[in-house]
Amino acid sequence: MSGLLLEPAELRARGFDALVKNLGWVNAVRFIQQFERSSRDYTTERDAILPSWDASEMMQRMNASEMR
């Protein structure tokens, strides 16, 4: 990597990519939330986006998609 300073948007993108690579998506978000308090509720948003499958149904769907 060169010694040049990155533009703020590029710095944020690369920094977050590094966090996700090393911590995983959820822990990267949790890490950022320690510094940036938001009025948004990650847990509520996650529950609204993700399906309400239990572990058994998730495994069945994964196995079914591998069979295709």
C-alpha atoms as a PDB file:
ATOM      1  CA  MET A   1       0.000   0.000   0.000  1.00  0.00           C
ATOM      2  CA  SER A   2       1.288   3.430  -0.851  1.00  0.00           C
ATOM      3  CA  GLY A   3       1.825   6.224   1.639  1.00  0.00           C
ATOM      4  CA  LEU A   4      -0.832   8.396  -0.009  1.00  0.00           C
ATOM      5  CA  LEU A   5      -3.784   9.506   2.030  1.00  0.00           C
ATOM      6  CA  LEU A   6      -7.057   7.980   0.896  1.00  0.00           C
ATOM      7  CA  GLU A   7     -10.196   9.980   0.236  1.00  0.00           C
ATOM      8  CA  PRO A   8     -12.634   9.717   3.194  1.00  0.00           C
ATOM      9  CA  ALA A   9     -15.125   7.516   1.320  1.00  0.00           C
ATOM     10  CA  GLU A  10     -12.384   5.124   0.182  1.00  0.00           C
ATOM     11  CA  LEU A  11     -10.913   5.026   3.689  1.00  0.00           C
ATOM     12  CA  ARG A  12     -14.314   4.132   5.194  1.00  0.00           C
ATOM     13  CA  ALA A  13     -14.957   1.452   2.562  1.00  0.00           C
ATOM     14  CA  ARG A  14     -11.557  -0.193   2.974  1.00  0.00           C
ATOM     15  CA  GLY A  15     -11.714   0.072   6.752  1.00  0.00           C
ATOM     16  CA  PHE A  16     -15.128  -1.554   6.944  1.00  0.00           C
ATOM     17  CA  ASP A  17     -14.048  -4.281   4.489  1.00  0.00           C
ATOM     18  CA  ALA A  18     -11.078  -5.023   6.756  1.00  0.00           C
ATOM     19  CA  LEU A  19     -13.353  -5.227   9.796  1.00  0.00           C
ATOM     20  CA  VAL A  20     -15.783  -7.579   8.034  1.00  0.00           C
ATOM     21  CA  LYS A  21     -12.925  -9.764   6.802  1.00  0.00           C
ATOM     22  CA  ASN A  22     -11.453 -10.102  10.290  1.00  0.00           C
ATOM     23  CA  LEU A  23     -14.523  -9.927  12.531  1.00  0.00           C
ATOM     24  CA  GLY A  24     -17.431 -11.010  10.352  1.00  0.00           C
ATOM     25  CA  TRP A  25     -20.379  -8.817   9.398  1.00  0.00           C
ATOM     26  CA  VAL A  26     -22.228  -8.815  12.724  1.00  0.00           C
ATOM     27  CA  ASN A  27     -19.174  -8.105  14.874  1.00  0.00           C
ATOM     28  CA  ALA A  28     -17.972  -5.425  12.444  1.00  0.00           C
ATOM     29  CA  VAL A  29     -21.311  -3.641  12.846  1.00  0.00           C
ATOM     30  CA  ARG A  30     -21.151  -4.074  16.618  1.00  0.00           C
ATOM     31  CA  PHE A  31     -17.630  -2.610  16.623  1.00  0.00           C
ATOM     32  CA  ILE A  32     -18.714   0.443  14.617  1.00  0.00           C
ATOM     33  CA  GLN A  33     -21.728   0.945  16.873  1.00  0.00           C
ATOM     34  CA  GLN A  34     -19.390   1.426  19.827  1.00  0.00           C
ATOM     35  CA  PHE A  35     -18.229   4.660  18.210  1.00  0.00           C
ATOM     36  CA  GLU A  36     -21.287   5.768  16.257  1.00  0.00           C
ATOM     37  CA  ARG A  37     -24.481   5.770  18.244  1.00  0.00           C
ATOM     38  CA  SER A  38     -27.516   5.662  16.042  1.00  0.00           C
ATOM     39  CA  SER A  39     -31.228   5.912  16.539  1.00  0.00           C
ATOM     40  CA  ARG A  40     -31.592   2.847  14.322  1.00  0.00           C
ATOM     41  CA  ASP A  41     -32.107  -0.582  15.867  1.00  0.00           C
ATOM     42  CA  TYR A  42     -29.941  -3.206  14.156  1.00  0.00           C
ATOM     43  CA  THR A  43     -31.738  -6.111  15.833  1.00  0.00           C
ATOM     44  CA  THR A  44     -35.182  -4.945  14.742  1.00  0.00           C
ATOM     45  CA  GLU A  45     -33.937  -4.284  11.199  1.00  0.00           C
ATOM     46  CA  ARG A  46     -32.259  -7.691  11.047  1.00  0.00           C
ATOM     47  CA  ASP A  47     -35.429  -9.418  12.233  1.00  0.00           C
ATOM     48  CA  ALA A  48     -37.457  -7.571   9.586  1.00  0.00           C
ATOM     49  CA  ILE A  49     -35.053  -8.572   6.779  1.00  0.00           C
ATOM     50  CA  LEU A  50     -34.143 -12.156   7.659  1.00  0.00           C
ATOM     51  CA  PRO A  51     -36.641 -15.009   7.373  1.00  0.00           C
ATOM     52  CA  SER A  52     -37.942 -16.506  10.608  1.00  0.00           C
ATOM     53  CA  TRP A  53     -36.501 -19.963   9.938  1.00  0.00           C
ATOM     54  CA  ASP A  54     -35.320 -22.158  12.753  1.00  0.00           C
ATOM     55  CA  ALA A  55     -32.015 -24.035  12.405  1.00  0.00           C
ATOM     56  CA  SER A  56     -33.730 -27.177  11.100  1.00  0.00           C
ATOM     57  CA  GLU A  57     -35.545 -25.345   8.303  1.00  0.00           C
ATOM     58  CA  MET A  58     -32.397 -23.450   7.375  1.00  0.00           C
ATOM     59  CA  MET A  59     -30.461 -26.712   7.037  1.00  0.00           C
ATOM     60  CA  GLN A  60     -33.242 -28.235   4.923  1.00  0.00           C
ATOM     61  CA  ARG A  61     -33.222 -25.245   2.596  1.00  0.00           C
ATOM     62  CA  MET A  62     -29.421 -25.283   2.329  1.00  0.00           C
ATOM     63  CA  ASN A  63     -29.445 -28.979   1.480  1.00  0.00           C
ATOM     64  CA  ALA A  64     -32.231 -28.482  -1.054  1.00  0.00           C
ATOM     65  CA  SER A  65     -30.329 -25.674  -2.782  1.00  0.00           C
ATOM     66  CA  GLU A  66     -27.189 -27.854  -3.012  1.00  0.00           C
ATOM     67  CA  MET A  67     -29.215 -30.535  -4.783  1.00  0.00           C
ATOM     68  CA  ARG A  68     -30.171 -28.160  -7.613  1.00  0.00           C
END
